[in-house]
């Protein structure tokens, strides 16, 4: 069974303490009934952890060594290869991750991982078109047509 997420490692000090506790309560190399339950309550460890420590009782080096770190899985594509493949894809096919996946042949999860590791980065380009003089005049006349302006009369709103 796999470890629970966020579970802390059992330190070598605690492992040795559990092994000593179990050996003091054992009789002729066998644990008495209820010993594992007592160790479980005392050290707040799972039954399988305590049984694993009991199995290692004859190997003191294994009890004292810290846990080996997990080896990192080898990736199929290097970051340089991913960058080169993405750069080779035309811009019109790079609009979404799904389109980029189809065009480059790189899985979407790999692209996500390289985005997270900052090998790739998102680029958003929004071009706001400038108005021509004729279009500005057309908009101004439309706006003025919808505004009521009194001509020749003076309205006094505030005194």
N, C-alpha and C. Protein backbone atom coordinates (compact mmCIF):
# COMPACT_ATOMS: atom_id res chain seq x y z
N UNK A 1 0.84 -1.17 0.00
CA UNK A 1 0.00 0.00 0.00
C UNK A 1 0.89 1.24 0.00
N UNK A 2 0.48 2.27 -0.73
CA UNK A 2 1.29 3.47 -0.84
C UNK A 2 1.14 4.33 0.41
N UNK A 3 2.09 5.24 0.57
CA UNK A 3 2.06 6.14 1.72
C UNK A 3 0.97 7.19 1.56
N UNK A 4 0.46 7.64 2.67
CA UNK A 4 -0.54 8.69 2.66
C UNK A 4 0.14 10.00 2.28
N UNK A 5 -0.55 10.81 1.47
CA UNK A 5 0.02 12.08 1.08
C UNK A 5 0.21 12.97 2.30
N UNK A 6 1.36 13.60 2.40
CA UNK A 6 1.64 14.50 3.51
C UNK A 6 2.12 13.80 4.76
N UNK A 7 2.24 12.47 4.72
CA UNK A 7 2.72 11.74 5.90
C UNK A 7 4.22 11.97 6.07
N UNK A 8 4.64 12.21 7.30
CA UNK A 8 6.05 12.44 7.55
C UNK A 8 6.77 11.10 7.64
N UNK A 9 8.06 11.13 7.33
CA UNK A 9 8.86 9.91 7.41
C UNK A 9 9.07 9.54 8.87
N UNK A 10 9.22 8.26 9.11
CA UNK A 10 9.52 7.78 10.46
C UNK A 10 11.02 7.95 10.65
N UNK A 11 11.40 8.73 11.63
CA UNK A 11 12.82 9.01 11.84
C UNK A 11 13.53 7.77 12.36
N UNK A 12 14.84 7.67 12.12
CA UNK A 12 15.58 6.51 12.62
C UNK A 12 15.49 6.37 14.14
N UNK A 13 15.41 7.49 14.85
CA UNK A 13 15.32 7.47 16.31
C UNK A 13 14.03 6.76 16.76
N UNK A 14 12.93 7.09 16.11
CA UNK A 14 11.64 6.47 16.45
C UNK A 14 11.65 5.00 16.06
N UNK A 15 12.25 4.67 14.91
CA UNK A 15 12.31 3.27 14.49
C UNK A 15 13.06 2.42 15.50
N UNK A 16 14.18 2.95 16.00
CA UNK A 16 14.96 2.21 17.00
C UNK A 16 14.15 2.07 18.29
N UNK A 17 13.45 3.14 18.69
CA UNK A 17 12.64 3.09 19.91
C UNK A 17 11.53 2.04 19.78
N UNK A 18 10.90 1.98 18.62
CA UNK A 18 9.84 0.98 18.40
C UNK A 18 10.43 -0.42 18.45
N UNK A 19 11.59 -0.61 17.81
CA UNK A 19 12.22 -1.94 17.80
C UNK A 19 12.59 -2.38 19.21
N UNK A 20 13.12 -1.46 20.02
CA UNK A 20 13.48 -1.79 21.41
C UNK A 20 12.23 -2.12 22.21
N UNK A 21 11.17 -1.34 22.03
CA UNK A 21 9.91 -1.58 22.74
C UNK A 21 9.35 -2.96 22.40
N UNK A 22 9.37 -3.30 21.11
CA UNK A 22 8.81 -4.58 20.70
C UNK A 22 9.66 -5.76 21.18
N UNK A 23 10.98 -5.59 21.14
CA UNK A 23 11.84 -6.71 21.58
C UNK A 23 11.74 -6.94 23.09
N UNK A 24 11.53 -5.87 23.86
CA UNK A 24 11.39 -6.06 25.31
C UNK A 24 10.09 -6.78 25.65
N UNK A 25 9.06 -6.60 24.84
CA UNK A 25 7.78 -7.25 25.11
C UNK A 25 7.63 -8.59 24.38
N UNK A 26 8.63 -8.96 23.58
CA UNK A 26 8.53 -10.23 22.86
C UNK A 26 8.99 -11.38 23.75
N UNK A 27 8.57 -12.58 23.38
CA UNK A 27 8.96 -13.76 24.14
C UNK A 27 9.39 -14.82 23.13
N UNK A 28 10.64 -15.22 23.22
CA UNK A 28 11.24 -16.21 22.34
C UNK A 28 11.12 -15.81 20.87
N UNK A 29 11.34 -14.52 20.59
CA UNK A 29 11.33 -14.03 19.21
C UNK A 29 9.95 -13.83 18.62
N UNK A 30 8.91 -13.97 19.43
CA UNK A 30 7.54 -13.79 18.95
C UNK A 30 6.86 -12.70 19.78
N UNK A 31 6.04 -11.92 19.10
CA UNK A 31 5.32 -10.85 19.80
C UNK A 31 4.12 -11.43 20.53
N UNK A 32 3.88 -10.93 21.72
CA UNK A 32 2.71 -11.35 22.48
C UNK A 32 1.47 -10.67 21.90
N UNK A 33 0.33 -11.24 22.25
CA UNK A 33 -0.94 -10.69 21.79
C UNK A 33 -1.11 -9.27 22.34
N UNK A 34 -1.47 -8.31 21.48
CA UNK A 34 -1.73 -6.94 21.90
C UNK A 34 -0.50 -6.04 21.91
N UNK A 35 0.69 -6.59 21.64
CA UNK A 35 1.90 -5.77 21.67
C UNK A 35 1.90 -4.75 20.53
N UNK A 36 1.49 -5.18 19.35
CA UNK A 36 1.47 -4.26 18.20
C UNK A 36 0.45 -3.15 18.45
N UNK A 37 -0.69 -3.49 19.04
CA UNK A 37 -1.72 -2.48 19.33
C UNK A 37 -1.20 -1.47 20.35
N UNK A 38 -0.46 -1.94 21.35
CA UNK A 38 0.11 -1.02 22.34
C UNK A 38 1.15 -0.11 21.70
N UNK A 39 1.99 -0.67 20.83
CA UNK A 39 3.00 0.14 20.14
C UNK A 39 2.33 1.14 19.21
N UNK A 40 1.24 0.72 18.60
CA UNK A 40 0.49 1.60 17.71
C UNK A 40 -0.04 2.82 18.46
N UNK A 41 -0.57 2.60 19.64
CA UNK A 41 -1.08 3.70 20.47
C UNK A 41 0.04 4.57 20.99
N UNK A 42 1.11 3.95 21.44
CA UNK A 42 2.20 4.69 22.06
C UNK A 42 2.95 5.57 21.06
N UNK A 43 3.27 5.02 19.89
CA UNK A 43 4.09 5.75 18.91
C UNK A 43 3.26 6.41 17.82
N UNK A 44 1.95 6.17 17.81
CA UNK A 44 1.04 6.74 16.82
C UNK A 44 1.49 6.42 15.39
N UNK A 45 1.73 5.13 15.16
CA UNK A 45 2.11 4.64 13.84
C UNK A 45 1.08 3.61 13.39
N UNK A 46 1.09 3.31 12.11
CA UNK A 46 0.15 2.30 11.61
C UNK A 46 0.66 0.90 11.93
N UNK A 47 -0.25 -0.04 11.87
CA UNK A 47 0.09 -1.44 12.14
C UNK A 47 1.14 -1.94 11.15
N UNK A 48 1.00 -1.57 9.88
CA UNK A 48 1.95 -2.05 8.87
C UNK A 48 3.34 -1.46 9.09
N UNK A 49 3.42 -0.20 9.56
CA UNK A 49 4.72 0.40 9.85
C UNK A 49 5.40 -0.33 11.00
N UNK A 50 4.64 -0.66 12.03
CA UNK A 50 5.20 -1.37 13.18
C UNK A 50 5.65 -2.77 12.78
N UNK A 51 4.87 -3.44 11.96
CA UNK A 51 5.26 -4.77 11.50
C UNK A 51 6.50 -4.71 10.61
N UNK A 52 6.63 -3.63 9.83
CA UNK A 52 7.84 -3.46 9.01
C UNK A 52 9.07 -3.25 9.87
N UNK A 53 8.93 -2.47 10.94
CA UNK A 53 10.05 -2.25 11.86
C UNK A 53 10.40 -3.55 12.57
N UNK A 54 9.39 -4.33 12.94
CA UNK A 54 9.64 -5.61 13.61
C UNK A 54 10.40 -6.57 12.67
N UNK A 55 10.10 -6.50 11.39
CA UNK A 55 10.80 -7.36 10.42
C UNK A 55 12.26 -6.95 10.27
N UNK A 56 12.56 -5.67 10.51
CA UNK A 56 13.94 -5.17 10.38
C UNK A 56 14.73 -5.23 11.69
N UNK A 57 14.19 -5.85 12.72
CA UNK A 57 14.83 -5.81 14.04
C UNK A 57 16.22 -6.45 14.05
N UNK A 58 16.48 -7.41 13.16
CA UNK A 58 17.77 -8.09 13.14
C UNK A 58 18.81 -7.34 12.30
N UNK A 59 18.38 -6.30 11.59
CA UNK A 59 19.30 -5.53 10.75
C UNK A 59 19.37 -4.10 11.27
N UNK A 60 20.31 -3.80 12.19
CA UNK A 60 20.36 -2.46 12.79
C UNK A 60 20.70 -1.36 11.79
N UNK A 61 21.46 -1.70 10.74
CA UNK A 61 21.79 -0.68 9.74
C UNK A 61 20.54 -0.18 9.04
N UNK A 62 19.63 -1.09 8.74
CA UNK A 62 18.40 -0.72 8.05
C UNK A 62 17.50 0.14 8.94
N UNK A 63 17.54 -0.09 10.25
CA UNK A 63 16.73 0.72 11.17
C UNK A 63 17.24 2.14 11.26
N UNK A 64 18.55 2.32 11.15
CA UNK A 64 19.15 3.64 11.38
C UNK A 64 19.18 4.48 10.11
N UNK A 65 19.18 3.85 8.94
CA UNK A 65 19.29 4.61 7.70
C UNK A 65 18.02 5.41 7.43
N UNK A 66 18.18 6.63 6.91
CA UNK A 66 16.99 7.39 6.52
C UNK A 66 16.39 6.79 5.25
N UNK A 67 15.17 7.19 4.96
CA UNK A 67 14.47 6.68 3.78
C UNK A 67 15.18 7.14 2.51
N UNK A 68 15.30 6.24 1.54
CA UNK A 68 15.92 6.61 0.27
C UNK A 68 14.95 7.50 -0.49
N UNK A 69 15.45 8.57 -1.09
CA UNK A 69 14.55 9.42 -1.88
C UNK A 69 14.11 8.70 -3.14
N UNK A 70 12.93 9.08 -3.62
CA UNK A 70 12.42 8.47 -4.84
C UNK A 70 13.24 8.96 -6.02
N UNK A 71 13.58 8.04 -6.92
CA UNK A 71 14.33 8.45 -8.10
C UNK A 71 13.38 9.13 -9.07
N UNK A 72 13.89 10.16 -9.72
CA UNK A 72 13.05 10.92 -10.62
C UNK A 72 12.91 10.15 -11.93
N UNK A 73 11.73 10.14 -12.47
CA UNK A 73 11.45 9.40 -13.69
C UNK A 73 12.13 10.08 -14.87
N UNK A 74 12.72 9.30 -15.74
CA UNK A 74 13.39 9.85 -16.91
C UNK A 74 12.34 10.38 -17.89
N UNK A 75 12.60 11.57 -18.43
CA UNK A 75 11.67 12.15 -19.38
C UNK A 75 12.07 11.74 -20.79
N UNK A 76 11.08 11.64 -21.64
CA UNK A 76 11.34 11.20 -23.01
C UNK A 76 11.93 12.33 -23.84
N UNK A 77 11.46 13.54 -23.61
CA UNK A 77 11.92 14.70 -24.37
C UNK A 77 12.64 15.67 -23.44
N UNK A 78 13.77 16.17 -23.88
CA UNK A 78 14.49 17.16 -23.07
C UNK A 78 13.82 18.52 -23.28
N UNK A 79 14.07 19.47 -22.38
CA UNK A 79 13.48 20.80 -22.55
C UNK A 79 13.88 21.47 -23.86
N UNK A 80 15.11 21.24 -24.32
CA UNK A 80 15.55 21.83 -25.59
C UNK A 80 14.77 21.25 -26.77
N UNK A 81 14.52 19.94 -26.72
CA UNK A 81 13.76 19.30 -27.80
C UNK A 81 12.33 19.83 -27.84
N UNK A 82 11.73 20.01 -26.66
CA UNK A 82 10.36 20.52 -26.59
C UNK A 82 10.31 21.94 -27.15
N UNK A 83 11.28 22.77 -26.75
CA UNK A 83 11.31 24.16 -27.22
C UNK A 83 11.50 24.20 -28.74
N UNK A 84 12.35 23.35 -29.27
CA UNK A 84 12.59 23.34 -30.71
C UNK A 84 11.34 22.88 -31.47
N UNK A 85 10.66 21.86 -30.96
CA UNK A 85 9.45 21.37 -31.63
C UNK A 85 8.34 22.40 -31.60
N UNK A 86 8.20 23.10 -30.47
CA UNK A 86 7.14 24.12 -30.37
C UNK A 86 7.46 25.30 -31.28
N UNK A 87 8.73 25.67 -31.36
CA UNK A 87 9.12 26.79 -32.22
C UNK A 87 8.89 26.45 -33.70
N UNK A 88 8.96 25.17 -34.05
CA UNK A 88 8.77 24.76 -35.44
C UNK A 88 7.30 24.78 -35.86
N UNK A 89 6.39 24.80 -34.91
CA UNK A 89 4.96 24.81 -35.22
C UNK A 89 4.56 26.22 -35.65
N UNK A 90 3.79 26.37 -36.73
CA UNK A 90 3.34 27.70 -37.14
C UNK A 90 2.50 28.37 -36.06
N UNK A 91 2.54 29.69 -36.04
CA UNK A 91 1.88 30.46 -34.99
C UNK A 91 0.37 30.22 -34.96
N UNK A 92 -0.24 30.03 -36.11
CA UNK A 92 -1.69 29.83 -36.14
C UNK A 92 -2.10 28.50 -35.51
N UNK A 93 -1.16 27.56 -35.39
CA UNK A 93 -1.47 26.28 -34.76
C UNK A 93 -1.02 26.23 -33.31
N UNK A 94 -0.56 27.36 -32.79
CA UNK A 94 -0.12 27.42 -31.39
C UNK A 94 -1.12 28.16 -30.50
N UNK A 95 -2.34 28.32 -30.96
CA UNK A 95 -3.29 29.14 -30.21
C UNK A 95 -3.73 28.49 -28.91
N UNK A 96 -3.95 27.18 -28.92
CA UNK A 96 -4.37 26.47 -27.72
C UNK A 96 -3.44 25.29 -27.49
N UNK A 97 -3.47 24.77 -26.27
CA UNK A 97 -2.63 23.60 -25.96
C UNK A 97 -3.08 22.39 -26.78
N UNK A 98 -4.37 22.27 -27.01
CA UNK A 98 -4.87 21.14 -27.78
C UNK A 98 -4.37 21.20 -29.22
N UNK A 99 -4.39 22.41 -29.81
CA UNK A 99 -3.90 22.56 -31.18
C UNK A 99 -2.39 22.35 -31.25
N UNK A 100 -1.69 22.84 -30.24
CA UNK A 100 -0.24 22.67 -30.19
C UNK A 100 0.12 21.20 -30.03
N UNK A 101 -0.66 20.48 -29.24
CA UNK A 101 -0.44 19.04 -29.06
C UNK A 101 -0.60 18.30 -30.39
N UNK A 102 -1.64 18.65 -31.13
CA UNK A 102 -1.89 17.98 -32.41
C UNK A 102 -0.81 18.31 -33.44
N UNK A 103 -0.34 19.55 -33.43
CA UNK A 103 0.63 19.97 -34.45
C UNK A 103 2.04 19.49 -34.14
N UNK A 104 2.41 19.47 -32.86
CA UNK A 104 3.80 19.13 -32.51
C UNK A 104 3.98 17.66 -32.18
N UNK A 105 2.90 16.97 -31.81
CA UNK A 105 3.02 15.57 -31.42
C UNK A 105 3.49 15.37 -30.00
N UNK A 106 3.53 16.45 -29.22
CA UNK A 106 3.93 16.38 -27.81
C UNK A 106 2.65 16.30 -26.98
N UNK A 107 2.55 15.36 -26.03
CA UNK A 107 1.33 15.26 -25.21
C UNK A 107 1.04 16.54 -24.43
N UNK A 108 -0.23 16.77 -24.20
CA UNK A 108 -0.67 17.98 -23.51
C UNK A 108 -0.11 18.04 -22.09
N UNK A 109 -0.01 16.89 -21.43
CA UNK A 109 0.53 16.87 -20.06
C UNK A 109 2.00 17.29 -20.04
N UNK A 110 2.75 16.89 -21.07
CA UNK A 110 4.15 17.28 -21.17
C UNK A 110 4.26 18.79 -21.40
N UNK A 111 3.40 19.32 -22.25
CA UNK A 111 3.40 20.77 -22.48
C UNK A 111 3.06 21.52 -21.20
N UNK A 112 2.08 21.00 -20.44
CA UNK A 112 1.71 21.62 -19.16
C UNK A 112 2.90 21.63 -18.20
N UNK A 113 3.62 20.50 -18.13
CA UNK A 113 4.76 20.40 -17.22
C UNK A 113 5.85 21.40 -17.61
N UNK A 114 6.10 21.55 -18.91
CA UNK A 114 7.14 22.48 -19.35
C UNK A 114 6.69 23.93 -19.18
N UNK A 115 5.39 24.18 -19.25
CA UNK A 115 4.89 25.53 -18.93
C UNK A 115 5.12 25.83 -17.45
N UNK A 116 4.86 24.85 -16.60
CA UNK A 116 5.03 25.03 -15.16
C UNK A 116 6.50 25.24 -14.80
N UNK A 117 7.40 24.51 -15.49
CA UNK A 117 8.84 24.63 -15.22
C UNK A 117 9.48 25.80 -15.94
N UNK A 118 8.66 26.61 -16.63
CA UNK A 118 9.09 27.82 -17.31
C UNK A 118 10.05 27.54 -18.47
N UNK A 119 9.95 26.35 -19.07
CA UNK A 119 10.68 26.07 -20.31
C UNK A 119 9.94 26.77 -21.44
N UNK A 120 8.62 26.69 -21.40
CA UNK A 120 7.75 27.42 -22.33
C UNK A 120 7.03 28.50 -21.54
N UNK A 121 6.59 29.53 -22.25
CA UNK A 121 5.78 30.53 -21.56
C UNK A 121 4.66 30.98 -22.48
N UNK A 122 3.57 31.37 -21.86
CA UNK A 122 2.43 31.83 -22.63
C UNK A 122 2.72 33.23 -23.16
N UNK A 123 2.21 33.52 -24.35
CA UNK A 123 2.39 34.85 -24.91
C UNK A 123 1.05 35.31 -25.45
N UNK A 124 0.59 36.42 -24.95
CA UNK A 124 -0.70 36.96 -25.37
C UNK A 124 -0.43 38.26 -26.11
N UNK A 125 -0.89 38.32 -27.33
CA UNK A 125 -0.69 39.52 -28.14
C UNK A 125 -2.06 40.01 -28.60
N UNK A 126 -2.45 41.17 -28.11
CA UNK A 126 -3.72 41.74 -28.49
C UNK A 126 -3.44 43.05 -29.20
N UNK A 127 -3.78 43.14 -30.45
CA UNK A 127 -3.53 44.34 -31.23
C UNK A 127 -4.83 45.12 -31.32
N UNK A 128 -4.78 46.35 -30.87
CA UNK A 128 -5.95 47.21 -30.96
C UNK A 128 -5.79 48.05 -32.23
N UNK A 129 -6.70 47.91 -33.17
CA UNK A 129 -6.53 48.64 -34.43
C UNK A 129 -6.73 50.14 -34.22
N UNK A 130 -5.94 50.91 -34.95
CA UNK A 130 -6.08 52.37 -34.88
C UNK A 130 -7.20 52.80 -35.82
N UNK A 131 -7.87 53.87 -35.46
CA UNK A 131 -8.98 54.36 -36.27
C UNK A 131 -8.45 55.27 -37.37
N UNK A 132 -9.03 55.12 -38.55
CA UNK A 132 -8.67 56.03 -39.65
C UNK A 132 -9.41 57.35 -39.43
N UNK A 133 -8.96 58.38 -40.14
CA UNK A 133 -9.59 59.70 -39.97
C UNK A 133 -11.05 59.68 -40.39
N UNK A 134 -11.36 58.94 -41.44
CA UNK A 134 -12.75 58.86 -41.90
C UNK A 134 -13.62 58.15 -40.85
N UNK A 135 -13.08 57.12 -40.23
CA UNK A 135 -13.83 56.38 -39.22
C UNK A 135 -14.02 57.23 -37.97
N UNK A 136 -13.00 58.03 -37.60
CA UNK A 136 -13.14 58.92 -36.44
C UNK A 136 -14.26 59.93 -36.68
N UNK A 137 -14.30 60.50 -37.91
CA UNK A 137 -15.33 61.48 -38.25
C UNK A 137 -16.71 60.83 -38.22
N UNK A 138 -16.82 59.62 -38.72
CA UNK A 138 -18.10 58.90 -38.72
C UNK A 138 -18.58 58.65 -37.29
N UNK A 139 -17.71 58.25 -36.40
CA UNK A 139 -18.09 58.00 -35.01
C UNK A 139 -18.48 59.30 -34.30
N UNK A 140 -17.77 60.37 -34.59
CA UNK A 140 -18.06 61.66 -33.96
C UNK A 140 -19.42 62.18 -34.41
N UNK A 141 -19.73 62.07 -35.70
CA UNK A 141 -21.04 62.54 -36.17
C UNK A 141 -22.17 61.70 -35.59
N UNK A 142 -21.96 60.38 -35.44
CA UNK A 142 -22.99 59.53 -34.85
C UNK A 142 -23.22 59.92 -33.39
N UNK A 143 -22.13 60.19 -32.66
CA UNK A 143 -22.26 60.56 -31.25
C UNK A 143 -22.96 61.91 -31.11
N UNK A 144 -22.61 62.86 -31.97
CA UNK A 144 -23.24 64.18 -31.88
C UNK A 144 -24.71 64.13 -32.29
N UNK A 145 -25.06 63.19 -33.13
CA UNK A 145 -26.45 63.06 -33.54
C UNK A 145 -27.33 62.58 -32.40
N UNK A 146 -26.76 61.95 -31.43
CA UNK A 146 -27.52 61.42 -30.31
C UNK A 146 -27.46 62.30 -29.06
N UNK A 147 -26.90 63.48 -29.19
CA UNK A 147 -26.81 64.40 -28.05
C UNK A 147 -27.73 65.59 -28.34
N UNK A 148 -28.59 65.93 -27.38
CA UNK A 148 -29.46 67.09 -27.55
C UNK A 148 -28.74 68.31 -27.02
N UNK A 149 -28.57 69.29 -27.94
CA UNK A 149 -27.92 70.52 -27.52
C UNK A 149 -28.88 71.69 -27.78
N UNK A 150 -29.19 72.39 -26.73
CA UNK A 150 -30.04 73.57 -26.96
C UNK A 150 -29.21 74.68 -27.63
N UNK A 151 -29.73 75.25 -28.72
CA UNK A 151 -29.02 76.31 -29.42
C UNK A 151 -29.76 77.62 -29.15
N UNK A 152 -29.02 78.61 -28.69
CA UNK A 152 -29.59 79.91 -28.43
C UNK A 152 -30.25 80.06 -27.08
N UNK A 153 -30.44 79.01 -26.35
CA UNK A 153 -31.05 79.10 -25.03
C UNK A 153 -29.98 78.83 -23.99
N UNK A 154 -30.05 79.52 -22.89
CA UNK A 154 -29.12 79.32 -21.80
C UNK A 154 -29.88 78.68 -20.65
N UNK A 155 -29.44 77.53 -20.27
CA UNK A 155 -30.05 76.85 -19.14
C UNK A 155 -29.17 77.08 -17.93
N UNK A 156 -29.77 77.62 -16.89
CA UNK A 156 -29.04 77.81 -15.65
C UNK A 156 -29.45 76.68 -14.71
N UNK A 157 -28.53 75.84 -14.44
CA UNK A 157 -28.84 74.72 -13.58
C UNK A 157 -28.54 75.06 -12.13
N UNK A 158 -27.40 75.68 -11.90
CA UNK A 158 -27.00 76.01 -10.53
C UNK A 158 -26.90 77.50 -10.37
N UNK A 159 -27.28 78.00 -9.26
CA UNK A 159 -27.11 79.42 -8.96
C UNK A 159 -26.25 79.61 -7.78
